[in-house]
Amino acid sequence: VLQLVESGGGSVQTGGSLRLSCAMSGYNFSCMAWLRQAPGKEREGVATITSYDTTTYVDSVKGRFTISRDNAKNTLYLQLNSLKPEDTARYYCAADGFDRFCTVVPGTTGRPFGYWGQGTQVTVST
């Protein structure tokens, strides 16, 4: 059974940090991504990573967030540092079996993904 399960969300103050995890089972995925959706806004891509560990980020998180993967554990991570209130959103992991077009496209979700997690909430307060 293909399954993606996120964890690690929570409530923090401005400037705080969180580490999101996405445990994947049932398949060795190639392109993996984190996306987020804030209330009243469209879902957007945050970061992507290919099977070659090539990463891309949306400009608003560059230098603050880091995407990584542990293939031995079949787990995807997103380290969130220097959090801002505008980072408040539900964060989703997504994955698929090929690397083509595995890149963040600003303001969109980018390429379609075949597999999604249920999301984890990140709330940043002032």
PDB file of N, CA and C in Angstrom:
ATOM      1  N   VAL A   1       0.862  -1.188   0.000  1.00  0.00           N
ATOM      2  CA  VAL A   1       0.000   0.000   0.000  1.00  0.00           C
ATOM      3  C   VAL A   1       0.892   1.230   0.000  1.00  0.00           C
ATOM      4  N   LEU A   2       0.674   2.125  -0.966  1.00  0.00           N
ATOM      5  CA  LEU A   2       1.428   3.363  -1.032  1.00  0.00           C
ATOM      6  C   LEU A   2       0.862   4.349  -0.028  1.00  0.00           C
ATOM      7  N   GLN A   3       1.729   4.880   0.808  1.00  0.00           N
ATOM      8  CA  GLN A   3       1.251   5.753   1.862  1.00  0.00           C
ATOM      9  C   GLN A   3       2.295   6.810   2.193  1.00  0.00           C
ATOM     10  N   LEU A   4       1.855   8.053   2.377  1.00  0.00           N
ATOM     11  CA  LEU A   4       2.699   9.149   2.814  1.00  0.00           C
ATOM     12  C   LEU A   4       2.074   9.722   4.082  1.00  0.00           C
ATOM     13  N   VAL A   5       2.854   9.802   5.149  1.00  0.00           N
ATOM     14  CA  VAL A   5       2.328  10.274   6.422  1.00  0.00           C
ATOM     15  C   VAL A   5       3.239  11.362   6.968  1.00  0.00           C
ATOM     16  N   GLU A   6       2.691  12.579   7.076  1.00  0.00           N
ATOM     17  CA  GLU A   6       3.452  13.707   7.600  1.00  0.00           C
ATOM     18  C   GLU A   6       3.361  13.767   9.116  1.00  0.00           C
ATOM     19  N   SER A   7       4.380  14.376   9.702  1.00  0.00           N
ATOM     20  CA  SER A   7       4.378  14.654  11.136  1.00  0.00           C
ATOM     21  C   SER A   7       5.316  15.827  11.394  1.00  0.00           C
ATOM     22  N   GLY A   8       5.249  16.362  12.608  1.00  0.00           N
ATOM     23  CA  GLY A   8       6.189  17.405  13.005  1.00  0.00           C
ATOM     24  C   GLY A   8       5.636  18.814  13.003  1.00  0.00           C
ATOM     25  N   GLY A   9       4.407  18.996  12.570  1.00  0.00           N
ATOM     26  CA  GLY A   9       3.833  20.327  12.602  1.00  0.00           C
ATOM     27  C   GLY A   9       3.552  20.772  14.022  1.00  0.00           C
ATOM     28  N   GLY A  10       3.191  22.045  14.165  1.00  0.00           N
ATOM     29  CA  GLY A  10       2.883  22.562  15.493  1.00  0.00           C
ATOM     30  C   GLY A  10       2.764  24.073  15.478  1.00  0.00           C
ATOM     31  N   SER A  11       2.717  24.639  16.669  1.00  0.00           N
ATOM     32  CA  SER A  11       2.611  26.086  16.833  1.00  0.00           C
ATOM     33  C   SER A  11       3.899  26.622  17.422  1.00  0.00           C
ATOM     34  N   VAL A  12       4.454  27.644  16.780  1.00  0.00           N
ATOM     35  CA  VAL A  12       5.691  28.261  17.250  1.00  0.00           C
ATOM     36  C   VAL A  12       5.558  29.772  17.138  1.00  0.00           C
ATOM     37  N   GLN A  13       6.458  30.467  17.802  1.00  0.00           N
ATOM     38  CA  GLN A  13       6.498  31.918  17.684  1.00  0.00           C
ATOM     39  C   GLN A  13       7.406  32.316  16.522  1.00  0.00           C
ATOM     40  N   THR A  14       7.268  33.543  16.100  1.00  0.00           N
ATOM     41  CA  THR A  14       8.119  34.077  15.042  1.00  0.00           C
ATOM     42  C   THR A  14       9.591  33.863  15.394  1.00  0.00           C
ATOM     43  N   GLY A  15      10.329  33.380  14.400  1.00  0.00           N
ATOM     44  CA  GLY A  15      11.745  33.085  14.605  1.00  0.00           C
ATOM     45  C   GLY A  15      12.028  31.666  15.039  1.00  0.00           C
ATOM     46  N   GLY A  16      10.993  30.909  15.347  1.00  0.00           N
ATOM     47  CA  GLY A  16      11.166  29.536  15.801  1.00  0.00           C
ATOM     48  C   GLY A  16      11.454  28.567  14.661  1.00  0.00           C
ATOM     49  N   SER A  17      11.620  27.308  15.040  1.00  0.00           N
ATOM     50  CA  SER A  17      11.959  26.264  14.072  1.00  0.00           C
ATOM     51  C   SER A  17      11.066  25.047  14.265  1.00  0.00           C
ATOM     52  N   LEU A  18      10.878  24.325  13.188  1.00  0.00           N
ATOM     53  CA  LEU A  18      10.190  23.045  13.204  1.00  0.00           C
ATOM     54  C   LEU A  18      10.862  22.137  12.188  1.00  0.00           C
ATOM     55  N   ARG A  19      10.685  20.843  12.371  1.00  0.00           N
ATOM     56  CA  ARG A  19      11.162  19.876  11.385  1.00  0.00           C
ATOM     57  C   ARG A  19      10.007  18.964  11.012  1.00  0.00           C
ATOM     58  N   LEU A  20       9.610  19.040   9.768  1.00  0.00           N
ATOM     59  CA  LEU A  20       8.540  18.186   9.280  1.00  0.00           C
ATOM     60  C   LEU A  20       9.130  16.902   8.703  1.00  0.00           C
ATOM     61  N   SER A  21       8.426  15.811   8.901  1.00  0.00           N
ATOM     62  CA  SER A  21       8.831  14.528   8.350  1.00  0.00           C
ATOM     63  C   SER A  21       7.687  13.951   7.524  1.00  0.00           C
ATOM     64  N   CYS A  22       8.043  13.188   6.529  1.00  0.00           N
ATOM     65  CA  CYS A  22       7.049  12.503   5.710  1.00  0.00           C
ATOM     66  C   CYS A  22       7.537  11.076   5.496  1.00  0.00           C
ATOM     67  N   ALA A  23       6.907  10.163   6.177  1.00  0.00           N
ATOM     68  CA  ALA A  23       7.274   8.753   6.060  1.00  0.00           C
ATOM     69  C   ALA A  23       6.547   8.140   4.876  1.00  0.00           C
ATOM     70  N   MET A  24       7.310   7.524   3.988  1.00  0.00           N
ATOM     71  CA  MET A  24       6.742   6.975   2.765  1.00  0.00           C
ATOM     72  C   MET A  24       6.888   5.465   2.765  1.00  0.00           C
ATOM     73  N   SER A  25       5.875   4.785   2.333  1.00  0.00           N
ATOM     74  CA  SER A  25       5.939   3.329   2.291  1.00  0.00           C
ATOM     75  C   SER A  25       5.334   2.813   0.997  1.00  0.00           C
ATOM     76  N   GLY A  26       5.815   1.684   0.584  1.00  0.00           N
ATOM     77  CA  GLY A  26       5.220   1.016  -0.557  1.00  0.00           C
ATOM     78  C   GLY A  26       5.870   1.277  -1.896  1.00  0.00           C
ATOM     79  N   TYR A  27       6.835   2.207  -1.954  1.00  0.00           N
ATOM     80  CA  TYR A  27       7.440   2.533  -3.242  1.00  0.00           C
ATOM     81  C   TYR A  27       8.686   3.367  -3.014  1.00  0.00           C
ATOM     82  N   ASN A  28       9.662   3.240  -3.915  1.00  0.00           N
ATOM     83  CA  ASN A  28      10.839   4.110  -3.887  1.00  0.00           C
ATOM     84  C   ASN A  28      10.603   5.281  -4.828  1.00  0.00           C
ATOM     85  N   PHE A  29      10.189   6.391  -4.266  1.00  0.00           N
ATOM     86  CA  PHE A  29       9.832   7.547  -5.076  1.00  0.00           C
ATOM     87  C   PHE A  29      11.061   8.273  -5.591  1.00  0.00           C
ATOM     88  N   SER A  30      10.899   8.996  -6.704  1.00  0.00           N
ATOM     89  CA  SER A  30      11.980   9.801  -7.261  1.00  0.00           C
ATOM     90  C   SER A  30      11.819  11.251  -6.840  1.00  0.00           C
ATOM     91  N   CYS A  31      10.890  11.965  -7.466  1.00  0.00           N
ATOM     92  CA  CYS A  31      10.652  13.364  -7.119  1.00  0.00           C
ATOM     93  C   CYS A  31       9.790  13.438  -5.865  1.00  0.00           C
ATOM     94  N   MET A  32      10.261  14.199  -4.903  1.00  0.00           N
ATOM     95  CA  MET A  32       9.503  14.425  -3.668  1.00  0.00           C
ATOM     96  C   MET A  32       9.384  15.921  -3.450  1.00  0.00           C
ATOM     97  N   ALA A  33       8.328  16.337  -2.790  1.00  0.00           N
ATOM     98  CA  ALA A  33       8.092  17.766  -2.642  1.00  0.00           C
ATOM     99  C   ALA A  33       7.328  18.069  -1.365  1.00  0.00           C
ATOM    100  N   TRP A  34       7.471  19.295  -0.922  1.00  0.00           N
ATOM    101  CA  TRP A  34       6.634  19.869   0.115  1.00  0.00           C
ATOM    102  C   TRP A  34       5.834  21.006  -0.507  1.00  0.00           C
ATOM    103  N   LEU A  35       4.561  21.041  -0.215  1.00  0.00           N
ATOM    104  CA  LEU A  35       3.675  22.099  -0.663  1.00  0.00           C
ATOM    105  C   LEU A  35       2.910  22.597   0.549  1.00  0.00           C
ATOM    106  N   ARG A  36       2.303  23.771   0.432  1.00  0.00           N
ATOM    107  CA  ARG A  36       1.539  24.301   1.555  1.00  0.00           C
ATOM    108  C   ARG A  36       0.323  25.057   1.057  1.00  0.00           C
ATOM    109  N   GLN A  37      -0.654  25.136   1.925  1.00  0.00           N
ATOM    110  CA  GLN A  37      -1.864  25.881   1.610  1.00  0.00           C
ATOM    111  C   GLN A  37      -2.298  26.659   2.837  1.00  0.00           C
ATOM    112  N   ALA A  38      -2.301  27.965   2.698  1.00  0.00           N
ATOM    113  CA  ALA A  38      -2.767  28.848   3.771  1.00  0.00           C
ATOM    114  C   ALA A  38      -4.256  29.097   3.593  1.00  0.00           C
ATOM    115  N   PRO A  39      -4.947  29.453   4.660  1.00  0.00           N
ATOM    116  CA  PRO A  39      -6.379  29.717   4.561  1.00  0.00           C
ATOM    117  C   PRO A  39      -6.681  30.777   3.509  1.00  0.00           C
ATOM    118  N   GLY A  40      -7.605  30.482   2.616  1.00  0.00           N
ATOM    119  CA  GLY A  40      -8.012  31.441   1.604  1.00  0.00           C
ATOM    120  C   GLY A  40      -7.048  31.590   0.440  1.00  0.00           C
ATOM    121  N   LYS A  41      -6.016  30.766   0.426  1.00  0.00           N
ATOM    122  CA  LYS A  41      -5.027  30.869  -0.646  1.00  0.00           C
ATOM    123  C   LYS A  41      -4.919  29.560  -1.406  1.00  0.00           C
ATOM    124  N   GLU A  42      -4.341  29.646  -2.594  1.00  0.00           N
ATOM    125  CA  GLU A  42      -4.103  28.459  -3.387  1.00  0.00           C
ATOM    126  C   GLU A  42      -2.924  27.673  -2.824  1.00  0.00           C
ATOM    127  N   ARG A  43      -2.951  26.374  -3.067  1.00  0.00           N
ATOM    128  CA  ARG A  43      -1.815  25.548  -2.661  1.00  0.00           C
ATOM    129  C   ARG A  43      -0.606  25.917  -3.516  1.00  0.00           C
ATOM    130  N   GLU A  44       0.579  25.963  -2.884  1.00  0.00           N
ATOM    131  CA  GLU A  44       1.784  26.331  -3.615  1.00  0.00           C
ATOM    132  C   GLU A  44       2.931  25.396  -3.267  1.00  0.00           C
ATOM    133  N   GLY A  45       3.831  25.238  -4.221  1.00  0.00           N
ATOM    134  CA  GLY A  45       5.021  24.447  -3.973  1.00  0.00           C
ATOM    135  C   GLY A  45       5.994  25.207  -3.098  1.00  0.00           C
ATOM    136  N   VAL A  46       6.619  24.511  -2.171  1.00  0.00           N
ATOM    137  CA  VAL A  46       7.589  25.109  -1.257  1.00  0.00           C
ATOM    138  C   VAL A  46       8.994  24.652  -1.611  1.00  0.00           C
ATOM    139  N   ALA A  47       9.171  23.348  -1.800  1.00  0.00           N
ATOM    140  CA  ALA A  47      10.499  22.807  -2.079  1.00  0.00           C
ATOM    141  C   ALA A  47      10.353  21.457  -2.758  1.00  0.00           C
ATOM    142  N   THR A  48      11.332  21.144  -3.598  1.00  0.00           N
ATOM    143  CA  THR A  48      11.355  19.842  -4.257  1.00  0.00           C
ATOM    144  C   THR A  48      12.749  19.237  -4.149  1.00  0.00           C
ATOM    145  N   ILE A  49      12.816  17.918  -4.269  1.00  0.00           N
ATOM    146  CA  ILE A  49      14.104  17.225  -4.279  1.00  0.00           C
ATOM    147  C   ILE A  49      13.992  16.023  -5.204  1.00  0.00           C
ATOM    148  N   THR A  50      14.995  15.856  -6.058  1.00  0.00           N
ATOM    149  CA  THR A  50      14.982  14.732  -6.985  1.00  0.00           C
ATOM    150  C   THR A  50      15.718  13.542  -6.393  1.00  0.00           C
ATOM    151  N   SER A  51      15.710  12.448  -7.128  1.00  0.00           N
ATOM    152  CA  SER A  51      16.431  11.260  -6.679  1.00  0.00           C
ATOM    153  C   SER A  51      17.936  11.489  -6.690  1.00  0.00           C
ATOM    154  N   TYR A  52      18.397  12.549  -7.356  1.00  0.00           N
ATOM    155  CA  TYR A  52      19.810  12.918  -7.367  1.00  0.00           C
ATOM    156  C   TYR A  52      20.123  13.992  -6.330  1.00  0.00           C
ATOM    157  N   ASP A  53      19.146  14.281  -5.476  1.00  0.00           N
ATOM    158  CA  ASP A  53      19.286  15.288  -4.415  1.00  0.00           C
ATOM    159  C   ASP A  53      19.394  16.708  -4.947  1.00  0.00           C
ATOM    160  N   THR A  54      18.909  16.950  -6.155  1.00  0.00           N
ATOM    161  CA  THR A  54      18.799  18.316  -6.652  1.00  0.00           C
ATOM    162  C   THR A  54      17.573  18.958  -6.017  1.00  0.00           C
ATOM    163  N   THR A  55      17.760  20.155  -5.458  1.00  0.00           N
ATOM    164  CA  THR A  55      16.664  20.807  -4.722  1.00  0.00           C
ATOM    165  C   THR A  55      16.299  22.148  -5.361  1.00  0.00           C
ATOM    166  N   THR A  56      15.040  22.518  -5.203  1.00  0.00           N
ATOM    167  CA  THR A  56      14.583  23.855  -5.570  1.00  0.00           C
ATOM    168  C   THR A  56      13.664  24.361  -4.472  1.00  0.00           C
ATOM    169  N   TYR A  57      13.575  25.688  -4.356  1.00  0.00           N
ATOM    170  CA  TYR A  57      12.761  26.314  -3.318  1.00  0.00           C
ATOM    171  C   TYR A  57      11.996  27.502  -3.899  1.00  0.00           C
ATOM    172  N   VAL A  58      10.858  27.773  -3.313  1.00  0.00           N
ATOM    173  CA  VAL A  58      10.181  29.018  -3.617  1.00  0.00           C
ATOM    174  C   VAL A  58      10.983  30.149  -2.978  1.00  0.00           C
ATOM    175  N   ASP A  59      11.016  31.305  -3.617  1.00  0.00           N
ATOM    176  CA  ASP A  59      11.892  32.386  -3.159  1.00  0.00           C
ATOM    177  C   ASP A  59      11.638  32.776  -1.699  1.00  0.00           C
ATOM    178  N   SER A  60      10.405  32.726  -1.262  1.00  0.00           N
ATOM    179  CA  SER A  60      10.055  33.215   0.072  1.00  0.00           C
ATOM    180  C   SER A  60      10.651  32.368   1.200  1.00  0.00           C
ATOM    181  N   VAL A  61      11.138  31.172   0.894  1.00  0.00           N
ATOM    182  CA  VAL A  61      11.696  30.317   1.946  1.00  0.00           C
ATOM    183  C   VAL A  61      13.186  30.057   1.773  1.00  0.00           C
ATOM    184  N   LYS A  62      13.768  30.546   0.691  1.00  0.00           N
ATOM    185  CA  LYS A  62      15.191  30.302   0.446  1.00  0.00           C
ATOM    186  C   LYS A  62      16.026  30.851   1.605  1.00  0.00           C
ATOM    187  N   GLY A  63      16.971  30.042   2.047  1.00  0.00           N
ATOM    188  CA  GLY A  63      17.819  30.429   3.162  1.00  0.00           C
ATOM    189  C   GLY A  63      17.219  30.138   4.529  1.00  0.00           C
ATOM    190  N   ARG A  64      15.945  29.768   4.563  1.00  0.00           N
ATOM    191  CA  ARG A  64      15.293  29.467   5.849  1.00  0.00           C
ATOM    192  C   ARG A  64      14.844  28.010   5.942  1.00  0.00           C
ATOM    193  N   PHE A  65      14.401  27.448   4.838  1.00  0.00           N
ATOM    194  CA  PHE A  65      13.919  26.068   4.824  1.00  0.00           C
ATOM    195  C   PHE A  65      14.916  25.179   4.101  1.00  0.00           C
ATOM    196  N   THR A  66      14.997  23.924   4.525  1.00  0.00           N
ATOM    197  CA  THR A  66      15.865  22.955   3.860  1.00  0.00           C
ATOM    198  C   THR A  66      15.123  21.645   3.672  1.00  0.00           C
ATOM    199  N   ILE A  67      15.060  21.191   2.426  1.00  0.00           N
ATOM    200  CA  ILE A  67      14.447  19.902   2.120  1.00  0.00           C
ATOM    201  C   ILE A  67      15.549  18.851   2.038  1.00  0.00           C
ATOM    202  N   SER A  68      15.263  17.674   2.544  1.00  0.00           N
ATOM    203  CA  SER A  68      16.232  16.584   2.473  1.00  0.00           C
ATOM    204  C   SER A  68      15.484  15.258   2.471  1.00  0.00           C
ATOM    205  N   ARG A  69      16.196  14.197   2.140  1.00  0.00           N
ATOM    206  CA  ARG A  69      15.573  12.882   2.098  1.00  0.00           C
ATOM    207  C   ARG A  69      16.545  11.845   2.629  1.00  0.00           C
ATOM    208  N   ASP A  70      16.009  10.843   3.277  1.00  0.00           N
ATOM    209  CA  ASP A  70      16.790   9.707   3.752  1.00  0.00           C
ATOM    210  C   ASP A  70      16.212   8.483   3.051  1.00  0.00           C
ATOM    211  N   ASN A  71      16.883   8.034   2.011  1.00  0.00           N
ATOM    212  CA  ASN A  71      16.335   6.936   1.213  1.00  0.00           C
ATOM    213  C   ASN A  71      16.320   5.625   1.997  1.00  0.00           C
ATOM    214  N   ALA A  72      17.258   5.452   2.895  1.00  0.00           N
ATOM    215  CA  ALA A  72      17.285   4.230   3.692  1.00  0.00           C
ATOM    216  C   ALA A  72      16.068   4.127   4.591  1.00  0.00           C
ATOM    217  N   LYS A  73      15.586   5.277   5.039  1.00  0.00           N
ATOM    218  CA  LYS A  73      14.413   5.314   5.914  1.00  0.00           C
ATOM    219  C   LYS A  73      13.143   5.638   5.140  1.00  0.00           C
ATOM    220  N   ASN A  74      13.267   5.877   3.824  1.00  0.00           N
ATOM    221  CA  ASN A  74      12.100   6.263   3.013  1.00  0.00           C
ATOM    222  C   ASN A  74      11.373   7.451   3.630  1.00  0.00           C
ATOM    223  N   THR A  75      12.138   8.444   4.027  1.00  0.00           N
ATOM    224  CA  THR A  75      11.558   9.590   4.711  1.00  0.00           C
ATOM    225  C   THR A  75      12.034  10.887   4.074  1.00  0.00           C
ATOM    226  N   LEU A  76      11.108  11.798   3.939  1.00  0.00           N
ATOM    227  CA  LEU A  76      11.365  13.144   3.428  1.00  0.00           C
ATOM    228  C   LEU A  76      11.282  14.117   4.586  1.00  0.00           C
ATOM    229  N   TYR A  77      12.144  15.117   4.590  1.00  0.00           N
ATOM    230  CA  TYR A  77      12.160  16.103   5.674  1.00  0.00           C
ATOM    231  C   TYR A  77      12.049  17.518   5.126  1.00  0.00           C
ATOM    232  N   LEU A  78      11.572  18.407   5.985  1.00  0.00           N
ATOM    233  CA  LEU A  78      11.636  19.841   5.710  1.00  0.00           C
ATOM    234  C   LEU A  78      11.989  20.533   7.014  1.00  0.00           C
ATOM    235  N   GLN A  79      13.186  21.100   7.061  1.00  0.00           N
ATOM    236  CA  GLN A  79      13.613  21.883   8.221  1.00  0.00           C
ATOM    237  C   GLN A  79      13.168  23.320   8.010  1.00  0.00           C
ATOM    238  N   LEU A  80      12.388  23.831   8.944  1.00  0.00           N
ATOM    239  CA  LEU A  80      11.869  25.182   8.850  1.00  0.00           C
ATOM    240  C   LEU A  80      12.519  26.028   9.934  1.00  0.00           C
ATOM    241  N   ASN A  81      13.314  26.997   9.547  1.00  0.00           N
ATOM    242  CA  ASN A  81      13.968  27.910  10.478  1.00  0.00           C
ATOM    243  C   ASN A  81      13.492  29.331  10.249  1.00  0.00           C
ATOM    244  N   SER A  82      13.725  30.187  11.243  1.00  0.00           N
ATOM    245  CA  SER A  82      13.356  31.604  11.136  1.00  0.00           C
ATOM    246  C   SER A  82      11.928  31.770  10.637  1.00  0.00           C
ATOM    247  N   LEU A  83      11.023  31.053  11.259  1.00  0.00           N
ATOM    248  CA  LEU A  83       9.633  31.047  10.797  1.00  0.00           C
ATOM    249  C   LEU A  83       8.972  32.405  10.958  1.00  0.00           C
ATOM    250  N   LYS A  84       8.095  32.709  10.025  1.00  0.00           N
ATOM    251  CA  LYS A  84       7.356  33.971   9.998  1.00  0.00           C
ATOM    252  C   LYS A  84       5.858  33.664  10.025  1.00  0.00           C
ATOM    253  N   PRO A  85       5.045  34.611  10.458  1.00  0.00           N
ATOM    254  CA  PRO A  85       3.592  34.371  10.454  1.00  0.00           C
ATOM    255  C   PRO A  85       3.061  33.993   9.073  1.00  0.00           C
ATOM    256  N   GLU A  86       3.663  34.513   8.032  1.00  0.00           N
ATOM    257  CA  GLU A  86       3.201  34.193   6.677  1.00  0.00           C
ATOM    258  C   GLU A  86       3.531  32.766   6.261  1.00  0.00           C
ATOM    259  N   ASP A  87       4.298  32.038   7.065  1.00  0.00           N
ATOM    260  CA  ASP A  87       4.547  30.620   6.803  1.00  0.00           C
ATOM    261  C   ASP A  87       3.415  29.746   7.347  1.00  0.00           C
ATOM    262  N   THR A  88       2.482  30.348   8.068  1.00  0.00           N
ATOM    263  CA  THR A  88       1.359  29.589   8.607  1.00  0.00           C
ATOM    264  C   THR A  88       0.561  28.961   7.471  1.00  0.00           C
ATOM    265  N   ALA A  89       0.411  27.650   7.522  1.00  0.00           N
ATOM    266  CA  ALA A  89      -0.278  26.913   6.457  1.00  0.00           C
ATOM    267  C   ALA A  89      -0.347  25.444   6.838  1.00  0.00           C
ATOM    268  N   ARG A  90      -1.103  24.713   6.055  1.00  0.00           N
ATOM    269  CA  ARG A  90      -1.052  23.259   6.155  1.00  0.00           C
ATOM    270  C   ARG A  90      -0.013  22.791   5.129  1.00  0.00           C
ATOM    271  N   TYR A  91       0.933  21.996   5.597  1.00  0.00           N
ATOM    272  CA  TYR A  91       2.028  21.537   4.759  1.00  0.00           C
ATOM    273  C   TYR A  91       1.791  20.089   4.345  1.00  0.00           C
ATOM    274  N   TYR A  92       1.965  19.851   3.061  1.00  0.00           N
ATOM    275  CA  TYR A  92       1.740  18.522   2.486  1.00  0.00           C
ATOM    276  C   TYR A  92       3.017  18.006   1.851  1.00  0.00           C
ATOM    277  N   CYS A  93       3.271  16.722   1.982  1.00  0.00           N
ATOM    278  CA  CYS A  93       4.316  16.107   1.177  1.00  0.00           C
ATOM    279  C   CYS A  93       3.656  15.418  -0.005  1.00  0.00           C
ATOM    280  N   ALA A  94       4.394  15.347  -1.088  1.00  0.00           N
ATOM    281  CA  ALA A  94       3.911  14.709  -2.306  1.00  0.00           C
ATOM    282  C   ALA A  94       5.083  14.035  -2.990  1.00  0.00           C
ATOM    283  N   ALA A  95       4.784  13.032  -3.781  1.00  0.00           N
ATOM    284  CA  ALA A  95       5.863  12.278  -4.412  1.00  0.00           C
ATOM    285  C   ALA A  95       5.364  11.589  -5.673  1.00  0.00           C
ATOM    286  N   ASP A  96       6.352  11.207  -6.482  1.00  0.00           N
ATOM    287  CA  ASP A  96       6.020  10.451  -7.683  1.00  0.00           C
ATOM    288  C   ASP A  96       7.235   9.662  -8.129  1.00  0.00           C
ATOM    289  N   GLY A  97       7.042   8.866  -9.155  1.00  0.00           N
ATOM    290  CA  GLY A  97       8.072   7.912  -9.535  1.00  0.00           C
ATOM    291  C   GLY A  97       9.035   8.363 -10.596  1.00  0.00           C
ATOM    292  N   PHE A  98       9.046   9.647 -10.972  1.00  0.00           N
ATOM    293  CA  PHE A  98       9.989  10.126 -11.966  1.00  0.00           C
ATOM    294  C   PHE A  98      10.425  11.539 -11.617  1.00  0.00           C
ATOM    295  N   ASP A  99      11.619  11.934 -12.081  1.00  0.00           N
ATOM    296  CA  ASP A  99      12.221  13.218 -11.715  1.00  0.00           C
ATOM    297  C   ASP A  99      11.902  14.358 -12.677  1.00  0.00           C
ATOM    298  N   ARG A 100      11.346  14.061 -13.830  1.00  0.00           N
ATOM    299  CA  ARG A 100      11.143  15.116 -14.820  1.00  0.00           C
ATOM    300  C   ARG A 100      10.278  16.235 -14.257  1.00  0.00           C
ATOM    301  N   PHE A 101      10.692  17.466 -14.512  1.00  0.00           N
ATOM    302  CA  PHE A 101       9.966  18.662 -14.064  1.00  0.00           C
ATOM    303  C   PHE A 101       9.821  18.711 -12.541  1.00  0.00           C
ATOM    304  N   CYS A 102      10.779  18.124 -11.855  1.00  0.00           N
ATOM    305  CA  CYS A 102      10.730  18.139 -10.390  1.00  0.00           C
ATOM    306  C   CYS A 102      11.320  19.456  -9.901  1.00  0.00           C
ATOM    307  N   THR A 103      10.540  20.497  -9.946  1.00  0.00           N
ATOM    308  CA  THR A 103      11.004  21.827  -9.579  1.00  0.00           C
ATOM    309  C   THR A 103       9.831  22.670  -9.112  1.00  0.00           C
ATOM    310  N   VAL A 104      10.124  23.618  -8.235  1.00  0.00           N
ATOM    311  CA  VAL A 104       9.093  24.538  -7.778  1.00  0.00           C
ATOM    312  C   VAL A 104       8.759  25.511  -8.902  1.00  0.00           C
ATOM    313  N   VAL A 105       7.495  25.693  -9.150  1.00  0.00           N
ATOM    314  CA  VAL A 105       7.013  26.713 -10.089  1.00  0.00           C
ATOM    315  C   VAL A 105       6.264  27.739  -9.246  1.00  0.00           C
ATOM    316  N   PRO A 106       6.805  28.945  -9.083  1.00  0.00           N
ATOM    317  CA  PRO A 106       6.234  29.921  -8.151  1.00  0.00           C
ATOM    318  C   PRO A 106       4.742  30.146  -8.348  1.00  0.00           C
ATOM    319  N   GLY A 107       4.026  30.150  -7.255  1.00  0.00           N
ATOM    320  CA  GLY A 107       2.599  30.437  -7.292  1.00  0.00           C
ATOM    321  C   GLY A 107       1.729  29.288  -7.727  1.00  0.00           C
ATOM    322  N   THR A 108       2.322  28.134  -7.948  1.00  0.00           N
ATOM    323  CA  THR A 108       1.550  26.966  -8.389  1.00  0.00           C
ATOM    324  C   THR A 108       2.011  25.736  -7.611  1.00  0.00           C
ATOM    325  N   THR A 109       1.348  24.629  -7.881  1.00  0.00           N
ATOM    326  CA  THR A 109       1.792  23.365  -7.295  1.00  0.00           C
ATOM    327  C   THR A 109       2.825  22.680  -8.167  1.00  0.00           C
ATOM    328  N   GLY A 110       3.132  23.246  -9.318  1.00  0.00           N
ATOM    329  CA  GLY A 110       4.115  22.650 -10.209  1.00  0.00           C
ATOM    330  C   GLY A 110       3.543  21.455 -10.944  1.00  0.00           C
ATOM    331  N   ARG A 111       4.379  20.470 -11.203  1.00  0.00           N
ATOM    332  CA  ARG A 111       3.949  19.268 -11.917  1.00  0.00           C
ATOM    333  C   ARG A 111       2.953  18.485 -11.081  1.00  0.00           C
ATOM    334  N   PRO A 112       2.114  17.689 -11.705  1.00  0.00           N
ATOM    335  CA  PRO A 112       1.184  16.861 -10.918  1.00  0.00           C
ATOM    336  C   PRO A 112       1.934  15.802 -10.130  1.00  0.00           C
ATOM    337  N   PHE A 113       1.453  15.508  -8.960  1.00  0.00           N
ATOM    338  CA  PHE A 113       2.022  14.430  -8.154  1.00  0.00           C
ATOM    339  C   PHE A 113       0.965  13.352  -7.964  1.00  0.00           C
ATOM    340  N   GLY A 114       1.426  12.111  -8.029  1.00  0.00           N
ATOM    341  CA  GLY A 114       0.483  11.011  -7.930  1.00  0.00           C
ATOM    342  C   GLY A 114       0.121  10.630  -6.515  1.00  0.00           C
ATOM    343  N   TYR A 115       0.983  11.009  -5.562  1.00  0.00           N
ATOM    344  CA  TYR A 115       0.777  10.567  -4.191  1.00  0.00           C
ATOM    345  C   TYR A 115       0.954  11.732  -3.233  1.00  0.00           C
ATOM    346  N   TRP A 116       0.040  11.798  -2.280  1.00  0.00           N
ATOM    347  CA  TRP A 116      -0.002  12.908  -1.341  1.00  0.00           C
ATOM    348  C   TRP A 116      -0.192  12.391   0.083  1.00  0.00           C
ATOM    349  N   GLY A 117       0.355  13.163   1.024  1.00  0.00           N
ATOM    350  CA  GLY A 117       0.039  12.919   2.419  1.00  0.00           C
ATOM    351  C   GLY A 117      -1.198  13.712   2.818  1.00  0.00           C
ATOM    352  N   GLN A 118      -1.583  13.554   4.070  1.00  0.00           N
ATOM    353  CA  GLN A 118      -2.805  14.202   4.558  1.00  0.00           C
ATOM    354  C   GLN A 118      -2.547  15.626   5.067  1.00  0.00           C
ATOM    355  N   GLY A 119      -1.291  15.972   5.239  1.00  0.00           N
ATOM    356  CA  GLY A 119      -0.948  17.323   5.664  1.00  0.00           C
ATOM    357  C   GLY A 119      -0.691  17.436   7.151  1.00  0.00           C
ATOM    358  N   THR A 120       0.101  18.439   7.517  1.00  0.00           N
ATOM    359  CA  THR A 120       0.365  18.747   8.920  1.00  0.00           C
ATOM    360  C   THR A 120       0.357  20.263   9.068  1.00  0.00           C
ATOM    361  N   GLN A 121      -0.264  20.743  10.145  1.00  0.00           N
ATOM    362  CA  GLN A 121      -0.472  22.181  10.311  1.00  0.00           C
ATOM    363  C   GLN A 121       0.740  22.835  10.952  1.00  0.00           C
ATOM    364  N   VAL A 122       1.157  23.960  10.376  1.00  0.00           N
ATOM    365  CA  VAL A 122       2.192  24.806  10.961  1.00  0.00           C
ATOM    366  C   VAL A 122       1.572  26.172  11.223  1.00  0.00           C
ATOM    367  N   THR A 123       1.654  26.622  12.465  1.00  0.00           N
ATOM    368  CA  THR A 123       1.100  27.911  12.847  1.00  0.00           C
ATOM    369  C   THR A 123       2.194  28.736  13.503  1.00  0.00           C
ATOM    370  N   VAL A 124       2.422  29.928  12.960  1.00  0.00           N
ATOM    371  CA  VAL A 124       3.463  30.805  13.479  1.00  0.00           C
ATOM    372  C   VAL A 124       2.803  32.067  14.019  1.00  0.00           C
ATOM    373  N   SER A 125       3.008  32.343  15.285  1.00  0.00           N
ATOM    374  CA  SER A 125       2.388  33.499  15.920  1.00  0.00           C
ATOM    375  C   SER A 125       3.426  34.587  16.167  1.00  0.00           C
ATOM    376  N   THR A 126       2.931  35.814  16.291  1.00  0.00           N
ATOM    377  CA  THR A 126       3.830  36.951  16.529  1.00  0.00           C
ATOM    378  C   THR A 126       4.163  37.058  18.000  1.00  0.00           C
TER     379      THR A 126
END
